[in-house]
N, C-alpha and C. Protein backbone atom coordinates (compact mmCIF):
# COMPACT_ATOMS: atom_id res chain seq x y z
N MET A 1 72.02 -80.02 6.73
CA MET A 1 72.49 -79.42 7.98
C MET A 1 73.73 -80.20 8.43
N SER A 2 74.78 -79.47 8.78
CA SER A 2 76.00 -80.14 9.23
C SER A 2 75.79 -80.75 10.61
N THR A 3 76.62 -81.73 10.92
CA THR A 3 76.51 -82.42 12.21
C THR A 3 76.74 -81.47 13.38
N SER A 4 77.72 -80.57 13.25
CA SER A 4 77.99 -79.66 14.37
C SER A 4 76.83 -78.70 14.62
N ILE A 5 76.15 -78.26 13.56
CA ILE A 5 74.99 -77.39 13.74
C ILE A 5 73.85 -78.17 14.38
N LEU A 6 73.66 -79.41 13.96
CA LEU A 6 72.63 -80.25 14.56
C LEU A 6 72.90 -80.47 16.05
N ILE A 7 74.14 -80.76 16.39
CA ILE A 7 74.50 -80.97 17.80
C ILE A 7 74.22 -79.71 18.60
N ALA A 8 74.64 -78.56 18.10
CA ALA A 8 74.40 -77.29 18.81
C ALA A 8 72.91 -77.02 18.96
N LEU A 9 72.15 -77.27 17.91
CA LEU A 9 70.70 -77.05 17.96
C LEU A 9 70.04 -77.97 18.99
N LEU A 10 70.41 -79.24 18.99
CA LEU A 10 69.85 -80.18 19.97
C LEU A 10 70.24 -79.79 21.39
N TRP A 11 71.46 -79.32 21.57
CA TRP A 11 71.92 -78.89 22.89
C TRP A 11 71.11 -77.69 23.37
N ILE A 12 70.88 -76.74 22.49
CA ILE A 12 70.10 -75.55 22.85
C ILE A 12 68.65 -75.92 23.17
N VAL A 13 68.06 -76.78 22.36
CA VAL A 13 66.69 -77.23 22.62
C VAL A 13 66.63 -77.93 23.97
N ASN A 14 67.63 -78.76 24.26
CA ASN A 14 67.67 -79.45 25.54
C ASN A 14 67.77 -78.46 26.70
N LEU A 15 68.63 -77.46 26.57
CA LEU A 15 68.76 -76.46 27.63
C LEU A 15 67.47 -75.68 27.84
N ILE A 16 66.82 -75.31 26.75
CA ILE A 16 65.58 -74.54 26.85
C ILE A 16 64.47 -75.36 27.50
N THR A 17 64.30 -76.60 27.06
CA THR A 17 63.22 -77.42 27.61
C THR A 17 63.51 -77.83 29.06
N ASP A 18 64.77 -78.12 29.38
CA ASP A 18 65.11 -78.46 30.76
C ASP A 18 64.90 -77.27 31.68
N THR A 19 65.41 -76.12 31.28
CA THR A 19 65.27 -74.92 32.10
C THR A 19 63.80 -74.52 32.22
N GLY A 20 63.09 -74.53 31.12
CA GLY A 20 61.67 -74.18 31.16
C GLY A 20 60.87 -75.11 32.05
N GLY A 21 61.17 -76.40 31.98
CA GLY A 21 60.48 -77.37 32.83
C GLY A 21 60.76 -77.13 34.30
N GLN A 22 62.02 -76.90 34.65
CA GLN A 22 62.38 -76.62 36.05
C GLN A 22 61.68 -75.37 36.56
N LEU A 23 61.70 -74.32 35.74
CA LEU A 23 61.08 -73.05 36.17
C LEU A 23 59.56 -73.18 36.27
N ALA A 24 58.96 -73.93 35.37
CA ALA A 24 57.50 -74.13 35.45
C ALA A 24 57.13 -74.92 36.70
N PHE A 25 57.91 -75.95 37.03
CA PHE A 25 57.62 -76.71 38.25
C PHE A 25 57.82 -75.85 39.50
N LYS A 26 58.83 -74.99 39.48
CA LYS A 26 59.04 -74.08 40.61
C LYS A 26 57.85 -73.13 40.74
N ALA A 27 57.38 -72.59 39.61
CA ALA A 27 56.22 -71.70 39.64
C ALA A 27 55.00 -72.42 40.21
N ALA A 28 54.80 -73.67 39.80
CA ALA A 28 53.66 -74.44 40.32
C ALA A 28 53.80 -74.67 41.82
N ALA A 29 55.02 -74.92 42.27
CA ALA A 29 55.23 -75.26 43.68
C ALA A 29 55.06 -74.07 44.61
N ILE A 30 55.35 -72.86 44.12
CA ILE A 30 55.30 -71.70 45.03
C ILE A 30 54.07 -70.83 44.85
N GLU A 31 53.23 -71.16 43.88
CA GLU A 31 52.10 -70.29 43.58
C GLU A 31 51.13 -70.12 44.74
N ASN A 32 50.92 -71.16 45.51
CA ASN A 32 49.96 -71.09 46.62
C ASN A 32 50.69 -71.53 47.89
N ARG A 33 51.47 -70.64 48.45
CA ARG A 33 52.32 -70.99 49.60
C ARG A 33 51.54 -71.20 50.89
N GLU A 34 50.35 -70.62 50.97
CA GLU A 34 49.61 -70.75 52.23
C GLU A 34 48.92 -72.11 52.36
N ALA A 35 48.72 -72.81 51.26
CA ALA A 35 48.10 -74.14 51.32
C ALA A 35 49.16 -75.17 51.71
N ALA A 36 48.71 -76.24 52.35
CA ALA A 36 49.63 -77.29 52.77
C ALA A 36 49.04 -78.65 52.44
N GLY A 37 49.89 -79.64 52.38
CA GLY A 37 49.44 -81.01 52.18
C GLY A 37 48.69 -81.21 50.87
N TRP A 38 47.59 -81.95 50.96
CA TRP A 38 46.81 -82.28 49.77
C TRP A 38 46.21 -81.05 49.10
N GLU A 39 45.85 -80.05 49.88
CA GLU A 39 45.30 -78.83 49.30
C GLU A 39 46.32 -78.15 48.40
N HIS A 40 47.56 -78.15 48.80
CA HIS A 40 48.64 -77.59 47.97
C HIS A 40 48.74 -78.35 46.65
N TRP A 41 48.70 -79.68 46.73
CA TRP A 41 48.78 -80.50 45.51
C TRP A 41 47.55 -80.31 44.62
N ARG A 42 46.38 -80.21 45.22
CA ARG A 42 45.17 -79.97 44.42
C ARG A 42 45.26 -78.62 43.70
N HIS A 43 45.76 -77.62 44.40
CA HIS A 43 45.92 -76.31 43.77
C HIS A 43 46.89 -76.39 42.60
N MET A 44 48.02 -77.07 42.79
CA MET A 44 48.99 -77.19 41.71
C MET A 44 48.39 -77.90 40.50
N LEU A 45 47.59 -78.91 40.74
CA LEU A 45 46.99 -79.67 39.63
C LEU A 45 45.92 -78.89 38.88
N ARG A 46 45.42 -77.83 39.47
CA ARG A 46 44.43 -76.99 38.80
C ARG A 46 45.06 -75.84 38.02
N ARG A 47 46.34 -75.65 38.15
CA ARG A 47 47.04 -74.55 37.50
C ARG A 47 47.85 -75.06 36.30
N PRO A 48 48.10 -74.20 35.33
CA PRO A 48 48.79 -74.65 34.11
C PRO A 48 50.28 -74.93 34.28
N TRP A 49 50.94 -74.35 35.28
CA TRP A 49 52.39 -74.48 35.37
C TRP A 49 52.87 -75.91 35.44
N ILE A 50 52.18 -76.74 36.19
CA ILE A 50 52.64 -78.11 36.34
C ILE A 50 52.53 -78.88 35.01
N TYR A 51 51.52 -78.55 34.22
CA TYR A 51 51.35 -79.21 32.92
C TYR A 51 52.35 -78.67 31.89
N ILE A 52 52.63 -77.39 31.97
CA ILE A 52 53.66 -76.81 31.09
C ILE A 52 55.00 -77.48 31.40
N GLY A 53 55.31 -77.64 32.68
CA GLY A 53 56.55 -78.31 33.07
C GLY A 53 56.60 -79.74 32.57
N ALA A 54 55.49 -80.46 32.68
CA ALA A 54 55.46 -81.85 32.22
C ALA A 54 55.67 -81.94 30.70
N VAL A 55 55.02 -81.07 29.95
CA VAL A 55 55.18 -81.07 28.49
C VAL A 55 56.63 -80.74 28.12
N LEU A 56 57.21 -79.77 28.80
CA LEU A 56 58.60 -79.42 28.52
C LEU A 56 59.55 -80.58 28.87
N TYR A 57 59.27 -81.29 29.93
CA TYR A 57 60.11 -82.43 30.28
C TYR A 57 59.98 -83.56 29.27
N ILE A 58 58.79 -83.77 28.74
CA ILE A 58 58.62 -84.79 27.69
C ILE A 58 59.40 -84.38 26.44
N ALA A 59 59.32 -83.09 26.08
CA ALA A 59 60.09 -82.60 24.93
C ALA A 59 61.58 -82.73 25.21
N GLU A 60 61.99 -82.44 26.43
CA GLU A 60 63.41 -82.57 26.78
C GLU A 60 63.87 -84.01 26.67
N PHE A 61 63.04 -84.95 27.06
CA PHE A 61 63.38 -86.37 26.95
C PHE A 61 63.78 -86.72 25.52
N PHE A 62 62.98 -86.28 24.57
CA PHE A 62 63.29 -86.59 23.17
C PHE A 62 64.49 -85.80 22.66
N ALA A 63 64.61 -84.55 23.08
CA ALA A 63 65.77 -83.75 22.68
C ALA A 63 67.05 -84.35 23.27
N TRP A 64 66.97 -84.83 24.50
CA TRP A 64 68.13 -85.43 25.16
C TRP A 64 68.54 -86.71 24.44
N LEU A 65 67.57 -87.54 24.11
CA LEU A 65 67.89 -88.78 23.37
C LEU A 65 68.54 -88.46 22.02
N ALA A 66 68.00 -87.49 21.32
CA ALA A 66 68.57 -87.11 20.03
C ALA A 66 69.98 -86.55 20.21
N PHE A 67 70.16 -85.72 21.24
CA PHE A 67 71.48 -85.14 21.51
C PHE A 67 72.49 -86.23 21.83
N LEU A 68 72.12 -87.16 22.71
CA LEU A 68 73.05 -88.23 23.08
C LEU A 68 73.36 -89.17 21.91
N SER A 69 72.48 -89.21 20.94
CA SER A 69 72.76 -90.06 19.77
C SER A 69 73.79 -89.42 18.84
N THR A 70 74.12 -88.15 19.07
CA THR A 70 75.06 -87.45 18.18
C THR A 70 76.41 -87.18 18.82
N VAL A 71 76.52 -87.33 20.14
CA VAL A 71 77.78 -87.04 20.83
C VAL A 71 78.17 -88.21 21.73
N PRO A 72 79.46 -88.31 22.07
CA PRO A 72 79.85 -89.33 23.06
C PRO A 72 79.16 -89.05 24.40
N LEU A 73 78.88 -90.10 25.13
CA LEU A 73 78.13 -89.98 26.38
C LEU A 73 78.81 -89.03 27.37
N ALA A 74 80.11 -89.15 27.57
CA ALA A 74 80.81 -88.29 28.54
C ALA A 74 80.67 -86.83 28.17
N GLU A 75 80.82 -86.50 26.90
CA GLU A 75 80.67 -85.11 26.47
C GLU A 75 79.23 -84.64 26.61
N GLY A 76 78.29 -85.49 26.24
CA GLY A 76 76.88 -85.12 26.32
C GLY A 76 76.45 -84.81 27.74
N VAL A 77 76.85 -85.66 28.68
CA VAL A 77 76.46 -85.45 30.07
C VAL A 77 77.10 -84.18 30.61
N LEU A 78 78.38 -83.95 30.30
CA LEU A 78 79.03 -82.74 30.78
C LEU A 78 78.39 -81.49 30.17
N LEU A 79 78.09 -81.52 28.88
CA LEU A 79 77.43 -80.37 28.26
C LEU A 79 76.03 -80.17 28.81
N GLY A 80 75.36 -81.27 29.17
CA GLY A 80 74.04 -81.17 29.77
C GLY A 80 74.06 -80.46 31.12
N MET A 81 75.21 -80.46 31.79
CA MET A 81 75.32 -79.79 33.08
C MET A 81 75.19 -78.27 32.95
N ALA A 82 75.30 -77.75 31.75
CA ALA A 82 75.09 -76.31 31.56
C ALA A 82 73.68 -75.91 31.97
N GLY A 83 72.77 -76.86 32.00
CA GLY A 83 71.41 -76.58 32.45
C GLY A 83 71.36 -76.04 33.87
N ILE A 84 72.33 -76.41 34.69
CA ILE A 84 72.40 -75.89 36.05
C ILE A 84 72.57 -74.38 36.02
N VAL A 85 73.37 -73.92 35.08
CA VAL A 85 73.63 -72.49 34.95
C VAL A 85 72.35 -71.77 34.50
N THR A 86 71.67 -72.30 33.50
CA THR A 86 70.48 -71.64 32.99
C THR A 86 69.33 -71.67 34.00
N VAL A 87 69.23 -72.74 34.76
CA VAL A 87 68.19 -72.81 35.80
C VAL A 87 68.49 -71.79 36.89
N MET A 88 69.75 -71.66 37.27
CA MET A 88 70.12 -70.68 38.29
C MET A 88 69.82 -69.26 37.81
N ALA A 89 70.16 -68.97 36.57
CA ALA A 89 69.88 -67.64 36.02
C ALA A 89 68.37 -67.40 35.94
N GLY A 90 67.61 -68.41 35.53
CA GLY A 90 66.16 -68.28 35.48
C GLY A 90 65.56 -68.08 36.86
N GLY A 91 66.09 -68.77 37.85
CA GLY A 91 65.63 -68.59 39.23
C GLY A 91 65.87 -67.17 39.72
N ARG A 92 66.98 -66.60 39.30
CA ARG A 92 67.27 -65.21 39.67
C ARG A 92 66.31 -64.25 38.98
N LEU A 93 66.08 -64.46 37.68
CA LEU A 93 65.23 -63.56 36.91
C LEU A 93 63.76 -63.63 37.32
N TRP A 94 63.22 -64.85 37.46
CA TRP A 94 61.78 -65.00 37.68
C TRP A 94 61.38 -65.14 39.14
N PHE A 95 62.28 -65.60 39.99
CA PHE A 95 61.90 -65.84 41.37
C PHE A 95 62.75 -65.05 42.36
N SER A 96 63.60 -64.15 41.86
CA SER A 96 64.45 -63.30 42.69
C SER A 96 65.31 -64.10 43.66
N GLU A 97 65.76 -65.27 43.24
CA GLU A 97 66.66 -66.06 44.07
C GLU A 97 68.04 -65.41 44.04
N HIS A 98 68.77 -65.60 45.10
CA HIS A 98 70.04 -64.89 45.26
C HIS A 98 71.22 -65.69 44.69
N PHE A 99 72.18 -64.95 44.16
CA PHE A 99 73.46 -65.52 43.76
C PHE A 99 74.39 -65.42 44.98
N THR A 100 74.68 -66.52 45.60
CA THR A 100 75.60 -66.53 46.72
C THR A 100 77.00 -66.84 46.20
N ARG A 101 77.99 -66.55 47.01
CA ARG A 101 79.38 -66.82 46.61
C ARG A 101 79.59 -68.29 46.24
N PRO A 102 79.14 -69.25 47.06
CA PRO A 102 79.34 -70.66 46.67
C PRO A 102 78.63 -71.01 45.34
N ARG A 103 77.45 -70.44 45.11
CA ARG A 103 76.75 -70.71 43.85
C ARG A 103 77.53 -70.14 42.67
N ILE A 104 78.04 -68.94 42.82
CA ILE A 104 78.81 -68.33 41.73
C ILE A 104 80.08 -69.13 41.45
N ILE A 105 80.76 -69.57 42.49
CA ILE A 105 81.96 -70.39 42.30
C ILE A 105 81.59 -71.70 41.60
N GLY A 106 80.53 -72.33 42.06
CA GLY A 106 80.09 -73.59 41.45
C GLY A 106 79.72 -73.43 39.99
N VAL A 107 78.96 -72.40 39.67
CA VAL A 107 78.57 -72.15 38.28
C VAL A 107 79.79 -71.83 37.43
N SER A 108 80.73 -71.09 37.98
CA SER A 108 81.95 -70.77 37.24
C SER A 108 82.73 -72.04 36.91
N LEU A 109 82.81 -72.94 37.87
CA LEU A 109 83.50 -74.21 37.61
C LEU A 109 82.76 -75.04 36.56
N ILE A 110 81.44 -75.03 36.62
CA ILE A 110 80.65 -75.76 35.62
C ILE A 110 80.88 -75.16 34.24
N LEU A 111 80.83 -73.84 34.14
CA LEU A 111 81.06 -73.18 32.85
C LEU A 111 82.46 -73.47 32.32
N ALA A 112 83.45 -73.47 33.20
CA ALA A 112 84.82 -73.79 32.78
C ALA A 112 84.88 -75.23 32.26
N GLY A 113 84.23 -76.12 32.95
CA GLY A 113 84.21 -77.53 32.50
C GLY A 113 83.51 -77.70 31.17
N VAL A 114 82.38 -77.03 30.99
CA VAL A 114 81.66 -77.10 29.72
C VAL A 114 82.52 -76.53 28.60
N ALA A 115 83.21 -75.42 28.88
CA ALA A 115 84.08 -74.82 27.86
C ALA A 115 85.22 -75.77 27.50
N LEU A 116 85.81 -76.41 28.50
CA LEU A 116 86.89 -77.37 28.22
C LEU A 116 86.40 -78.57 27.41
N VAL A 117 85.21 -79.04 27.73
CA VAL A 117 84.64 -80.15 26.96
C VAL A 117 84.40 -79.70 25.52
N GLY A 118 83.85 -78.51 25.35
CA GLY A 118 83.61 -77.98 24.01
C GLY A 118 84.90 -77.84 23.23
N LEU A 119 85.94 -77.31 23.85
CA LEU A 119 87.23 -77.15 23.18
C LEU A 119 87.86 -78.51 22.85
N GLY A 120 87.68 -79.46 23.77
CA GLY A 120 88.22 -80.80 23.53
C GLY A 120 87.54 -81.48 22.36
N GLY A 121 86.24 -81.23 22.19
CA GLY A 121 85.50 -81.81 21.07
C GLY A 121 85.90 -81.19 19.74
N MET A 122 86.35 -79.92 19.77
CA MET A 122 86.73 -79.25 18.53
C MET A 122 88.05 -79.80 18.00
N SER A 123 88.92 -80.26 18.88
CA SER A 123 90.22 -80.75 18.42
C SER A 123 90.17 -82.21 17.99
N ALA A 124 89.07 -82.89 18.28
CA ALA A 124 88.98 -84.32 17.95
C ALA A 124 88.61 -84.54 16.51
């Protein structure tokens, strides 16, 4: 497997596990909105979403370490910011969260930055 394919694969795995973990934690947090305090936490601990999120975060930890071992730190961190875009899209799809003008502008700037980092890495 070529290095560029490995880097892309690790980046995709990182995005999937990060996004999945965030969405699972959100699902756990909103599943029982009428409960408060310790009862809310007890309910979350009895449901699978919080454990799915934890497993995905553990997987992301290893994917992130592997990814950072293949790219320069500055590029890796900037490319990792693409997770903000995937989490926002997932929030829209699964939780009907709204795309506001400031969010769209912010995501557009993030995507432009990720694209510039990607293009910069291709010329090196």
